[in-house]
Amino acid sequence: MRRREFVATLGAATALAPGVIAAALDRAPESTAEKGEIERAASFGVEEQSLGELQAALTRGEVTSASLTLAYLARIELLDRRGPALCAVLARNPEALTAARALDAERRAGRTRGPLHGIPLLLKDNIESKDPIATTAGSLALAGARHATDAPLVARLRAAGAIVLGKANLSEWANFRSSHSISGWSAVGGQTRNAYAVDRNPSGSSSGSAVATAASLCAAAIGSETDGSILAPSSVNGLVGLKPTVGLVSGRGIVPLSPRQDTAGPIARSVTDAALLLAVLAERPLDSAVAPRDLDAFSARGLRVGVVTATNAHPLVVRESAAWPKALGDAGATLVPVELPKGLADFGDRESEVLLYDFKAAITAYLQGLHGLVPHRSLRDLIEFNAAHASEELVFFGQELFEDADRRGGLDTPAYVKALEELNRLTDTAGLAALFRDHAVDVLMTPCNGPAEMLDPIWGDRSDANDGWPSIASAAAVAGYPSMTVPATRVGGLPVGVAFVAPRWREALLLKIGRVFERTLSARRAPSYPA
């Protein structure tokens, strides 16, 4: 591609070149109608468009879902496959355009399914879908795992009119193969790169979901989290990420790490978009309405916000974050300084031990439930597969977590039961539950991690770069409380978010307080990609 053609495709106000859109199809246009779709895609800029803006454009007839799909596929071609080579999209759905045209036909017939009708989304590649693409968790061991049915959360998205554009890359096995792994690397998808600096770590494990959303390769994406895997990549890629209460979104059809902690959730460019997605994903009603007008009308007056001061984050984050609570204080919230109990910063070893048992039991049950889609039936089978394919799988790091987990017993092992009881006590009853009760606060806030560290295939994710991860966010993951990050600032041009944690089932409160913060600071900035 000539430099001029590449530059002409990147700006928010600059149309995508029709030739590039046609190239994204991997074939010549097949009809006059398809040529028209390409021309319409070329004249409509998708960069930074919200779900509401896209839906309004579809309603006015400025664009069709087929043209939207083509426009996103073209951006994937330009930014993910070529150009900065973000490597965020592991697989494109060959049926996405067909689905888009069917939804366009429904719209012409006067039927729309809701605010997601005809909107292209990406799924993290540990979420099963019935599309003709595998669900691999990034591992070659699952390369043959195609599914005849959607995971329940995908069925809900499709019923609401969303288009599955494809699968997003991730940290292989949700970052649970090695303690020396590189976030965003998988044997199937390669190395995802931070949306704001391609030599920087995208964080994970929902790396591709976050990077693709930040770079407008999709309207929004679905990630999953066991501990930090939605919030961390969302924070370092300038996004809103929400980890729901465990159980609010169905966990069936997701390659598991720990069913006690695993949950899918939305990754989006705004709080409003995250709310629209969560309302569709949720298996039960939220604690209150989260339509755009409800979020914008919300007043923080009367709320008590527990402020947890950052002490071990990046020095510039510590300095700048001191002013963040003022955004909520000025909106009427009462700010309450909160000191964490010692145990809330001292549960990491127990969590690591418990997850080894959880993973062994969960992945074995999952593999056996695939009914012959892949030949592997146990964690030991996966270990042996990786060893046999070491030149592809064990390139940068090993599989010592797999091996440690395989040495553990079942979930009735006394050591597991004891560690789990202590973990629950430290994170929940003597941790978050005690904080909310003793300080009488409605929500907790603290800086997220960041800025993103350098990609390092030798050392992997450096532990000192992750020391700033907030313990209340990890505790929320362990104890099943909801948490969310919202863009707050930039350090050296790299995004950093704030983290909010609320009691179980209070997602609407998180979204509303997050919208107040977002509206006040307006901290999100789109990444740019100079040629």
Protein backbone atom coordinates (compact mmCIF):
# COMPACT_ATOMS: atom_id res chain seq x y z
CA MET A 1 0.00 0.00 0.00
CA ARG A 2 1.31 3.44 -0.88
CA ARG A 3 1.92 5.82 2.02
CA ARG A 4 -0.69 8.31 0.76
CA GLU A 5 -3.38 5.59 0.58
CA PHE A 6 -2.54 4.42 4.10
CA VAL A 7 -2.71 7.91 5.60
CA ALA A 8 -5.98 8.62 3.81
CA THR A 9 -7.69 5.72 5.57
CA LEU A 10 -6.93 6.58 9.18
CA GLY A 11 -8.49 9.87 10.19
CA ALA A 12 -11.87 10.06 11.90
CA ALA A 13 -13.09 12.56 9.34
CA THR A 14 -11.38 10.92 6.37
CA ALA A 15 -13.19 8.22 4.39
CA LEU A 16 -11.83 4.72 4.01
CA ALA A 17 -10.62 4.06 0.49
CA PRO A 18 -13.08 1.80 -1.41
CA GLY A 19 -10.17 -0.30 -2.64
CA VAL A 20 -9.13 -1.06 0.92
CA ILE A 21 -12.67 -2.03 1.87
CA ALA A 22 -12.84 -4.36 -1.11
CA ALA A 23 -9.48 -5.84 -0.10
CA ALA A 24 -10.88 -6.62 3.35
CA LEU A 25 -13.36 -8.96 1.66
CA ASP A 26 -10.46 -11.01 0.25
CA ARG A 27 -12.33 -11.08 -3.07
CA ALA A 28 -13.85 -8.84 -5.71
CA PRO A 29 -17.36 -7.40 -5.12
CA GLU A 30 -19.92 -9.94 -6.29
CA SER A 31 -22.79 -7.65 -7.23
CA THR A 32 -23.86 -4.08 -7.86
CA ALA A 33 -25.48 -4.09 -4.43
CA GLU A 34 -22.18 -5.09 -2.81
CA LYS A 35 -20.39 -2.31 -4.67
CA GLY A 36 -22.98 0.06 -3.20
CA GLU A 37 -22.30 -1.26 0.29
CA ILE A 38 -18.59 -0.62 -0.23
CA GLU A 39 -19.22 2.93 -1.44
CA ARG A 40 -21.44 3.64 1.56
CA ALA A 41 -18.83 2.20 3.93
CA ALA A 42 -16.21 4.42 2.31
CA SER A 43 -18.25 7.54 3.04
CA PHE A 44 -19.05 6.76 6.68
CA GLY A 45 -16.39 7.13 9.37
CA VAL A 46 -16.73 4.63 12.23
CA GLU A 47 -13.83 5.85 14.39
CA GLU A 48 -14.95 6.67 17.96
CA GLN A 49 -18.63 6.35 17.03
CA SER A 50 -20.72 5.37 20.05
CA LEU A 51 -23.38 2.67 19.96
CA GLY A 52 -26.03 5.38 20.12
CA GLU A 53 -24.47 7.35 17.26
CA LEU A 54 -24.19 4.25 15.12
CA GLN A 55 -27.78 3.27 15.82
CA ALA A 56 -28.97 6.79 14.99
CA ALA A 57 -27.09 6.70 11.68
CA LEU A 58 -28.65 3.32 10.88
CA THR A 59 -32.11 4.65 11.75
CA ARG A 60 -31.65 7.71 9.50
CA GLY A 61 -30.43 5.52 6.67
CA GLU A 62 -27.02 7.17 6.51
CA VAL A 63 -25.39 3.76 6.65
CA THR A 64 -26.46 0.10 6.61
CA SER A 65 -25.30 -2.67 8.91
CA ALA A 66 -23.61 -4.30 5.94
CA SER A 67 -21.64 -1.12 5.26
CA LEU A 68 -20.77 -0.78 8.94
CA THR A 69 -19.47 -4.32 8.93
CA LEU A 70 -17.37 -3.64 5.84
CA ALA A 71 -15.98 -0.45 7.39
CA TYR A 72 -14.85 -2.30 10.53
CA LEU A 73 -13.40 -5.14 8.44
CA ALA A 74 -11.45 -2.53 6.49
CA ARG A 75 -10.05 -1.01 9.69
CA ILE A 76 -9.05 -4.50 10.82
CA GLU A 77 -7.25 -4.94 7.50
CA LEU A 78 -5.50 -1.59 7.83
CA LEU A 79 -4.60 -1.43 11.50
CA ASP A 80 -4.60 -5.03 12.64
CA ARG A 81 -3.19 -6.89 9.64
CA ARG A 82 -1.10 -4.07 8.11
CA GLY A 83 0.00 -0.65 9.38
CA PRO A 84 0.76 -0.79 13.11
CA ALA A 85 -0.19 -4.51 13.10
CA LEU A 86 -2.08 -4.40 16.40
CA CYS A 87 -2.83 -8.12 16.21
CA ALA A 88 -6.01 -7.66 18.24
CA VAL A 89 -8.38 -9.70 16.07
CA LEU A 90 -7.66 -13.41 16.14
CA ALA A 91 -10.33 -14.44 13.60
CA ARG A 92 -12.86 -12.65 11.40
CA ASN A 93 -16.31 -14.19 11.12
CA PRO A 94 -16.97 -15.13 7.48
CA GLU A 95 -20.72 -14.95 8.16
CA ALA A 96 -20.70 -11.43 9.62
CA LEU A 97 -21.67 -9.73 6.37
CA THR A 98 -24.50 -12.20 5.75
CA ALA A 99 -25.82 -11.56 9.25
CA ALA A 100 -25.59 -7.81 8.68
CA ARG A 101 -27.61 -8.02 5.48
CA ALA A 102 -30.30 -10.06 7.23
CA LEU A 103 -30.56 -7.42 9.94
CA ASP A 104 -30.77 -4.71 7.28
CA ALA A 105 -33.70 -6.61 5.76
CA GLU A 106 -35.40 -6.70 9.18
CA ARG A 107 -34.93 -2.96 9.50
CA ARG A 108 -36.41 -2.33 6.06
CA ALA A 109 -39.39 -4.46 7.09
CA GLY A 110 -39.96 -2.20 10.10
CA ARG A 111 -38.51 -4.48 12.76
CA THR A 112 -35.60 -3.54 14.99
CA ARG A 113 -34.53 -5.52 18.01
CA GLY A 114 -33.17 -2.70 20.16
CA PRO A 115 -30.11 -0.46 20.52
CA LEU A 116 -27.71 -3.19 19.32
CA HIS A 117 -29.59 -3.97 16.10
CA GLY A 118 -27.04 -4.26 13.32
CA ILE A 119 -24.04 -3.30 15.46
CA PRO A 120 -20.77 -5.27 14.91
CA LEU A 121 -19.06 -6.54 18.08
CA LEU A 122 -16.03 -8.69 18.82
CA LEU A 123 -15.95 -11.59 21.30
CA LYS A 124 -12.91 -12.64 23.29
CA ASP A 125 -11.76 -15.96 21.87
CA ASN A 126 -12.63 -17.94 24.97
CA ILE A 127 -16.37 -17.37 24.38
CA GLU A 128 -18.14 -19.98 22.29
CA SER A 129 -20.20 -18.99 19.26
CA LYS A 130 -21.86 -21.00 16.52
CA ASP A 131 -20.02 -19.12 13.79
CA PRO A 132 -17.65 -21.11 11.52
CA ILE A 133 -14.62 -20.14 13.61
CA ALA A 134 -13.08 -22.03 16.49
CA THR A 135 -13.09 -20.99 20.15
CA THR A 136 -9.46 -21.57 21.06
CA ALA A 137 -8.57 -19.57 24.19
CA GLY A 138 -5.53 -18.74 22.05
CA SER A 139 -4.21 -22.32 22.18
CA LEU A 140 -3.49 -24.58 19.24
CA ALA A 141 -4.84 -27.40 21.40
CA LEU A 142 -8.37 -26.07 20.81
CA ALA A 143 -7.93 -25.19 17.13
CA GLY A 144 -10.63 -27.69 16.17
CA ALA A 145 -13.21 -26.57 18.73
CA ARG A 146 -16.09 -25.27 16.62
CA HIS A 147 -19.50 -25.16 18.26
CA ALA A 148 -23.04 -25.73 17.02
CA THR A 149 -24.58 -23.39 19.58
CA ASP A 150 -23.82 -20.00 21.06
CA ALA A 151 -22.80 -19.42 24.64
CA PRO A 152 -25.88 -17.96 26.40
CA LEU A 153 -24.34 -14.49 26.49
CA VAL A 154 -23.73 -14.63 22.72
CA ALA A 155 -27.30 -15.82 22.14
CA ARG A 156 -28.52 -12.79 24.10
CA LEU A 157 -26.38 -10.43 22.02
CA ARG A 158 -27.58 -11.99 18.78
CA ALA A 159 -31.22 -11.87 19.90
CA ALA A 160 -30.69 -8.14 20.53
CA GLY A 161 -29.45 -7.72 16.96
CA ALA A 162 -25.68 -7.61 17.48
CA ILE A 163 -23.37 -8.92 14.76
CA VAL A 164 -20.47 -11.19 15.75
CA LEU A 165 -17.68 -9.58 13.73
CA GLY A 166 -15.11 -12.13 14.90
CA LYS A 167 -12.98 -13.25 17.83
CA ALA A 168 -10.48 -11.08 19.68
CA ASN A 169 -6.99 -12.23 20.59
CA LEU A 170 -6.18 -12.82 24.25
CA SER A 171 -3.48 -13.88 26.65
CA GLU A 172 -3.44 -17.62 25.98
CA TRP A 173 -5.55 -19.64 28.44
CA ALA A 174 -6.58 -16.33 30.04
CA ASN A 175 -2.99 -15.79 31.22
CA PHE A 176 -2.89 -18.95 33.30
CA ARG A 177 -0.23 -21.09 31.68
CA SER A 178 2.90 -19.46 33.09
CA SER A 179 3.82 -16.86 35.68
CA HIS A 180 6.31 -15.48 33.13
CA SER A 181 3.81 -14.98 30.32
CA ILE A 182 3.46 -11.93 28.07
CA SER A 183 0.01 -10.36 28.20
CA GLY A 184 -1.71 -10.47 24.82
CA TRP A 185 0.34 -13.33 23.37
CA SER A 186 -1.25 -16.52 22.13
CA ALA A 187 0.02 -19.25 19.85
CA VAL A 188 -3.04 -18.82 17.62
CA GLY A 189 -3.18 -15.03 17.47
CA GLY A 190 0.38 -13.83 18.08
CA GLN A 191 1.25 -10.74 20.13
CA THR A 192 -1.41 -8.07 20.63
CA ARG A 193 0.06 -4.59 20.94
CA ASN A 194 -1.13 -1.65 23.03
CA ALA A 195 -3.47 0.60 21.05
CA TYR A 196 -1.52 3.74 22.04
CA ALA A 197 2.05 2.53 21.58
CA VAL A 198 2.80 -0.67 19.69
CA ASP A 199 5.95 -1.32 21.71
CA ARG A 200 3.87 -1.32 24.91
CA ASN A 201 2.06 -4.11 26.71
CA PRO A 202 -1.72 -4.28 26.08
CA SER A 203 -2.30 -5.96 29.47
CA GLY A 204 -4.69 -8.88 29.61
CA SER A 205 -6.09 -11.30 29.40
CA SER A 206 -8.82 -9.53 27.37
CA SER A 207 -6.04 -7.87 25.39
CA GLY A 208 -7.54 -8.04 21.91
CA SER A 209 -11.01 -7.03 23.10
CA ALA A 210 -9.57 -3.86 24.60
CA VAL A 211 -7.13 -2.94 21.83
CA ALA A 212 -9.72 -3.54 19.10
CA THR A 213 -12.25 -1.35 20.89
CA ALA A 214 -9.74 1.43 21.51
CA ALA A 215 -8.70 1.41 17.84
CA SER A 216 -12.32 1.31 16.60
CA LEU A 217 -11.90 -2.08 14.95
CA CYS A 218 -15.38 -2.82 16.32
CA ALA A 219 -18.18 -0.88 17.94
CA ALA A 220 -17.40 -2.54 21.29
CA ALA A 221 -16.26 -5.93 22.58
CA ILE A 222 -16.90 -8.57 25.20
CA GLY A 223 -14.08 -9.62 27.49
CA SER A 224 -13.85 -11.91 30.47
CA GLU A 225 -12.18 -11.63 33.85
CA THR A 226 -10.96 -13.93 36.57
CA ASP A 227 -8.81 -11.27 38.25
CA GLY A 228 -8.09 -8.04 36.37
CA SER A 229 -8.62 -9.35 32.84
CA ILE A 230 -11.31 -6.81 31.92
CA LEU A 231 -10.24 -3.86 34.07
CA ALA A 232 -6.49 -3.94 33.42
CA PRO A 233 -6.50 -3.95 29.59
CA SER A 234 -9.37 -1.46 29.58
CA SER A 235 -7.41 0.89 31.84
CA VAL A 236 -4.18 0.85 29.81
CA ASN A 237 -6.08 1.21 26.53
CA GLY A 238 -8.21 4.18 27.60
CA LEU A 239 -11.54 2.37 27.90
CA VAL A 240 -14.48 1.64 30.14
CA GLY A 241 -14.43 -1.97 31.31
CA LEU A 242 -17.01 -3.49 33.64
CA LYS A 243 -16.63 -6.78 35.52
CA PRO A 244 -20.11 -7.72 36.72
CA THR A 245 -21.09 -9.53 39.89
CA VAL A 246 -20.26 -13.18 39.28
CA GLY A 247 -23.51 -14.78 38.19
CA LEU A 248 -25.11 -11.74 36.56
CA VAL A 249 -23.85 -12.89 33.14
CA SER A 250 -24.01 -16.57 32.28
CA GLY A 251 -20.65 -18.32 32.40
CA ARG A 252 -21.71 -21.28 30.27
CA GLY A 253 -19.83 -21.57 27.02
CA ILE A 254 -16.73 -19.76 28.28
CA VAL A 255 -13.43 -21.64 28.47
CA PRO A 256 -12.97 -21.65 32.26
CA LEU A 257 -10.20 -20.73 34.62
CA SER A 258 -12.18 -20.61 37.86
CA PRO A 259 -16.00 -20.70 37.72
CA ARG A 260 -16.03 -19.07 41.18
CA GLN A 261 -14.45 -15.94 39.73
CA ASP A 262 -14.90 -16.07 35.94
CA THR A 263 -17.34 -13.66 34.33
CA ALA A 264 -17.75 -11.97 30.97
CA GLY A 265 -18.39 -8.26 30.73
CA PRO A 266 -18.44 -5.26 28.37
CA ILE A 267 -15.43 -3.32 27.11
CA ALA A 268 -16.43 -0.04 25.48
CA ARG A 269 -15.34 3.52 24.75
CA SER A 270 -17.91 5.08 27.08
CA VAL A 271 -19.91 4.31 30.19
CA THR A 272 -23.14 4.64 28.21
CA ASP A 273 -22.02 2.00 25.73
CA ALA A 274 -20.98 -0.34 28.54
CA ALA A 275 -24.42 0.11 30.11
CA LEU A 276 -26.22 -0.73 26.86
CA LEU A 277 -24.17 -3.91 26.52
CA LEU A 278 -24.58 -4.97 30.15
CA ALA A 279 -28.35 -4.54 29.97
CA VAL A 280 -28.38 -7.14 27.18
CA LEU A 281 -25.85 -9.51 28.79
CA ALA A 282 -27.47 -9.56 32.24
CA GLU A 283 -29.50 -12.65 33.15
CA ARG A 284 -31.43 -10.76 35.82
CA PRO A 285 -32.66 -7.14 36.11
CA LEU A 286 -30.07 -4.59 37.16
CA ASP A 287 -30.53 -2.70 40.42
CA SER A 288 -31.96 0.30 38.53
CA ALA A 289 -32.38 1.62 35.00
CA VAL A 290 -29.23 2.35 32.98
CA ALA A 291 -30.59 3.83 29.75
CA PRO A 292 -28.57 6.87 28.55
CA ARG A 293 -31.10 9.33 29.98
CA ASP A 294 -30.95 7.58 33.38
CA LEU A 295 -27.15 7.80 33.47
CA ASP A 296 -27.11 11.47 32.46
CA ALA A 297 -29.85 12.43 34.93
CA PHE A 298 -28.12 10.76 37.86
CA SER A 299 -26.94 12.92 40.74
CA ALA A 300 -24.18 11.81 43.08
CA ARG A 301 -25.66 13.90 45.86
CA GLY A 302 -26.09 11.86 49.00
CA LEU A 303 -23.68 9.11 47.95
CA ARG A 304 -20.71 8.23 50.11
CA VAL A 305 -17.58 7.41 48.12
CA GLY A 306 -14.76 5.60 49.87
CA VAL A 307 -11.45 6.95 48.58
CA VAL A 308 -8.53 4.51 48.70
CA THR A 309 -5.27 6.38 48.26
CA ALA A 310 -2.75 4.83 45.89
CA THR A 311 0.61 4.19 47.52
CA ASN A 312 2.42 1.78 45.20
CA ALA A 313 1.31 2.94 41.75
CA HIS A 314 3.44 4.90 39.29
CA PRO A 315 4.53 8.18 40.99
CA LEU A 316 2.77 10.34 38.38
CA VAL A 317 -0.42 8.33 38.82
CA VAL A 318 -0.20 8.78 42.59
CA ARG A 319 0.25 12.52 42.14
CA GLU A 320 -2.53 13.05 39.59
CA SER A 321 -5.02 10.71 41.21
CA ALA A 322 -5.17 12.86 44.31
CA ALA A 323 -7.45 15.24 42.39
CA TRP A 324 -9.80 12.61 40.93
CA PRO A 325 -12.21 12.31 43.88
CA LYS A 326 -12.99 16.03 43.50
CA ALA A 327 -14.95 15.18 40.35
CA LEU A 328 -17.43 13.29 42.50
CA GLY A 329 -17.23 15.66 45.46
CA ASP A 330 -18.18 18.58 43.22
CA ALA A 331 -21.17 16.51 42.03
CA GLY A 332 -22.43 16.26 45.60
CA ALA A 333 -20.91 13.02 46.84
CA THR A 334 -19.42 12.78 50.31
CA LEU A 335 -15.78 11.71 50.11
CA VAL A 336 -14.67 9.30 52.83
CA PRO A 337 -10.96 8.45 53.21
CA VAL A 338 -10.59 4.68 53.58
CA GLU A 339 -7.64 2.72 54.87
CA LEU A 340 -7.48 -0.91 53.84
CA PRO A 341 -7.27 -3.69 56.40
CA LYS A 342 -3.91 -5.45 56.27
CA GLY A 343 -5.41 -8.70 55.05
CA LEU A 344 -6.83 -7.06 51.95
CA ALA A 345 -3.33 -6.63 50.58
CA ASP A 346 -2.16 -10.05 51.71
CA PHE A 347 -4.26 -12.68 49.95
CA GLY A 348 -2.32 -13.16 46.70
CA ASP A 349 -0.61 -16.41 47.66
CA ARG A 350 -3.88 -17.98 48.78
CA GLU A 351 -5.62 -16.89 45.58
CA SER A 352 -2.84 -18.37 43.48
CA GLU A 353 -3.08 -21.68 45.34
CA VAL A 354 -6.86 -21.85 45.11
CA LEU A 355 -6.83 -21.07 41.39
CA LEU A 356 -4.56 -24.05 40.71
CA TYR A 357 -7.19 -26.40 42.12
CA ASP A 358 -10.05 -24.52 40.44
CA PHE A 359 -8.39 -24.61 37.03
CA LYS A 360 -7.56 -28.30 37.10
CA ALA A 361 -11.13 -29.25 37.95
CA ALA A 362 -12.76 -26.74 35.60
CA ILE A 363 -10.64 -27.31 32.51
CA THR A 364 -10.95 -31.08 32.81
CA ALA A 365 -14.74 -30.83 33.01
CA TYR A 366 -14.75 -28.40 30.07
CA LEU A 367 -12.59 -30.60 27.85
CA GLN A 368 -14.71 -33.65 28.61
CA GLY A 369 -17.81 -31.64 27.73
CA LEU A 370 -16.50 -30.90 24.22
CA HIS A 371 -17.58 -34.42 23.17
CA GLY A 372 -14.71 -35.18 20.83
CA LEU A 373 -14.29 -31.76 19.21
CA VAL A 374 -10.67 -32.00 20.33
CA PRO A 375 -8.74 -35.12 21.43
CA HIS A 376 -7.72 -33.68 24.81
CA ARG A 377 -9.63 -34.85 27.87
CA SER A 378 -7.54 -33.59 30.78
CA LEU A 379 -5.04 -30.99 31.88
CA ARG A 380 -2.32 -33.63 31.51
CA ASP A 381 -3.32 -33.98 27.84
CA LEU A 382 -2.84 -30.23 27.35
CA ILE A 383 0.57 -30.32 29.01
CA GLU A 384 1.64 -33.14 26.72
CA PHE A 385 0.26 -31.32 23.66
CA ASN A 386 2.25 -28.19 24.52
CA ALA A 387 5.42 -30.22 24.99
CA ALA A 388 4.88 -31.92 21.64
CA HIS A 389 4.31 -28.54 19.96
CA ALA A 390 6.92 -26.61 21.93
CA SER A 391 8.23 -24.75 18.87
CA GLU A 392 4.83 -23.08 18.51
CA GLU A 393 3.42 -23.07 22.05
CA LEU A 394 6.41 -22.76 24.39
CA VAL A 395 8.19 -20.03 22.42
CA PHE A 396 8.55 -17.28 25.03
CA PHE A 397 7.45 -18.92 28.26
CA GLY A 398 6.66 -22.32 29.70
CA GLN A 399 3.69 -23.99 31.35
CA GLU A 400 4.66 -24.24 34.99
CA LEU A 401 1.18 -23.16 36.15
CA PHE A 402 -0.35 -26.01 34.17
CA GLU A 403 2.16 -28.41 35.73
CA ASP A 404 1.57 -27.04 39.24
CA ALA A 405 -2.19 -27.34 38.80
CA ASP A 406 -1.90 -30.89 37.51
CA ARG A 407 -0.15 -31.90 40.76
CA ARG A 408 -3.11 -30.70 42.84
CA GLY A 409 -5.94 -32.89 44.07
CA GLY A 410 -9.67 -32.40 43.79
CA LEU A 411 -11.86 -29.66 45.23
CA ASP A 412 -12.43 -31.77 48.34
CA THR A 413 -8.73 -31.67 49.25
CA PRO A 414 -8.41 -30.28 52.82
CA ALA A 415 -5.64 -27.87 51.78
CA TYR A 416 -7.93 -26.39 49.12
CA VAL A 417 -10.92 -26.10 51.42
CA LYS A 418 -8.83 -24.34 54.07
CA ALA A 419 -7.19 -21.96 51.60
CA LEU A 420 -10.55 -21.07 50.06
CA GLU A 421 -12.13 -20.36 53.44
CA GLU A 422 -9.25 -18.04 54.36
CA LEU A 423 -9.34 -16.38 50.94
CA ASN A 424 -13.05 -15.65 51.25
CA ARG A 425 -12.54 -14.26 54.74
CA LEU A 426 -9.72 -11.92 53.70
CA THR A 427 -11.38 -10.59 50.55
CA ASP A 428 -15.01 -10.56 51.59
CA THR A 429 -16.12 -10.74 55.22
CA ALA A 430 -12.98 -9.13 56.68
CA GLY A 431 -12.23 -7.25 53.44
CA LEU A 432 -14.73 -5.56 51.14
CA ALA A 433 -17.81 -6.35 53.21
CA ALA A 434 -16.12 -4.84 56.27
CA LEU A 435 -15.07 -1.74 54.33
CA PHE A 436 -18.56 -1.05 53.03
CA ARG A 437 -20.08 -1.68 56.47
CA ASP A 438 -17.58 0.08 58.72
CA HIS A 439 -17.22 3.20 56.58
CA ALA A 440 -20.88 3.24 55.45
CA VAL A 441 -19.82 3.89 51.84
CA ASP A 442 -21.74 3.12 48.66
CA VAL A 443 -18.75 2.69 46.37
CA LEU A 444 -14.95 2.53 46.61
CA MET A 445 -12.56 4.28 44.22
CA THR A 446 -8.80 4.08 43.62
CA PRO A 447 -6.39 4.39 40.66
CA CYS A 448 -6.07 1.44 38.31
CA ASN A 449 -2.75 0.21 37.00
CA GLY A 450 -0.70 2.02 34.40
CA PRO A 451 0.84 3.38 32.39
CA ALA A 452 1.54 0.33 30.21
CA GLU A 453 5.01 -1.17 30.49
CA MET A 454 7.17 -2.12 27.51
CA LEU A 455 6.57 -5.42 25.76
CA ASP A 456 9.29 -7.81 26.86
CA PRO A 457 9.42 -11.31 25.33
CA ILE A 458 12.42 -12.22 27.50
CA TRP A 459 11.15 -11.30 30.97
CA GLY A 460 7.44 -11.39 30.15
CA ASP A 461 5.14 -9.23 32.27
CA ARG A 462 7.49 -7.72 34.84
CA SER A 463 6.12 -8.08 38.36
CA ASP A 464 7.33 -4.62 39.36
CA ALA A 465 5.18 -3.11 36.61
CA ASN A 466 2.09 -4.75 38.12
CA ASP A 467 2.70 -3.75 41.73
CA GLY A 468 0.30 -0.84 41.37
CA TRP A 469 -2.72 -3.03 40.67
CA PRO A 470 -5.36 -2.08 43.26
CA SER A 471 -6.05 -4.72 45.87
CA ILE A 472 -9.73 -3.73 46.05
CA ALA A 473 -10.08 -4.67 42.36
CA SER A 474 -8.47 -8.07 42.97
CA ALA A 475 -10.60 -8.57 46.07
CA ALA A 476 -13.70 -7.76 44.01
CA ALA A 477 -12.67 -10.40 41.49
CA VAL A 478 -12.11 -13.04 44.17
CA ALA A 479 -15.26 -12.26 46.16
CA GLY A 480 -17.48 -11.75 43.11
CA TYR A 481 -18.21 -8.05 43.63
CA PRO A 482 -18.70 -5.80 40.56
CA SER A 483 -15.94 -3.42 39.51
CA MET A 484 -15.35 -0.97 36.71
CA THR A 485 -12.64 1.24 35.24
CA VAL A 486 -13.14 4.60 33.53
CA PRO A 487 -10.45 6.68 31.75
CA ALA A 488 -8.95 9.22 34.15
CA THR A 489 -5.70 10.64 32.77
CA ARG A 490 -2.70 10.06 30.51
CA VAL A 491 0.90 9.62 31.63
CA GLY A 492 3.43 10.14 28.86
CA GLY A 493 0.60 9.83 26.35
CA LEU A 494 -0.49 6.48 27.82
CA PRO A 495 -3.96 6.07 29.37
CA VAL A 496 -4.61 5.36 33.03
CA GLY A 497 -8.02 4.61 34.52
CA VAL A 498 -9.76 4.86 37.86
CA ALA A 499 -11.22 1.74 39.46
CA PHE A 500 -14.62 1.63 41.19
CA VAL A 501 -15.94 -1.25 43.30
CA ALA A 502 -19.51 -1.63 44.57
CA PRO A 503 -21.38 -4.25 46.63
CA ARG A 504 -22.74 -7.27 44.80
CA TRP A 505 -25.54 -6.62 42.27
CA ARG A 506 -24.96 -2.84 42.27
CA GLU A 507 -23.81 -2.56 38.64
CA ALA A 508 -26.23 0.28 37.91
CA LEU A 509 -24.71 2.31 40.73
CA LEU A 510 -21.24 1.70 39.30
CA LEU A 511 -22.36 2.81 35.85
CA LYS A 512 -24.02 5.94 37.18
CA ILE A 513 -21.11 7.03 39.34
CA GLY A 514 -18.78 6.19 36.46
CA ARG A 515 -20.81 8.38 34.12
CA VAL A 516 -20.53 11.31 36.54
CA PHE A 517 -16.75 10.83 36.64
CA GLU A 518 -16.52 10.43 32.86
CA ARG A 519 -18.66 13.49 32.17
CA THR A 520 -16.56 15.64 34.51
CA LEU A 521 -13.07 14.62 33.38
CA SER A 522 -13.68 13.64 29.71
CA ALA A 523 -10.32 11.89 29.77
CA ARG A 524 -10.65 9.49 26.82
CA ARG A 525 -8.59 10.33 23.73
CA ALA A 526 -8.51 8.19 20.58
CA PRO A 527 -5.17 6.61 19.61
CA SER A 528 -3.50 7.82 16.41
CA TYR A 529 -1.43 5.87 13.91
CA PRO A 530 0.93 8.02 11.83
CA ALA A 531 2.39 6.35 8.77
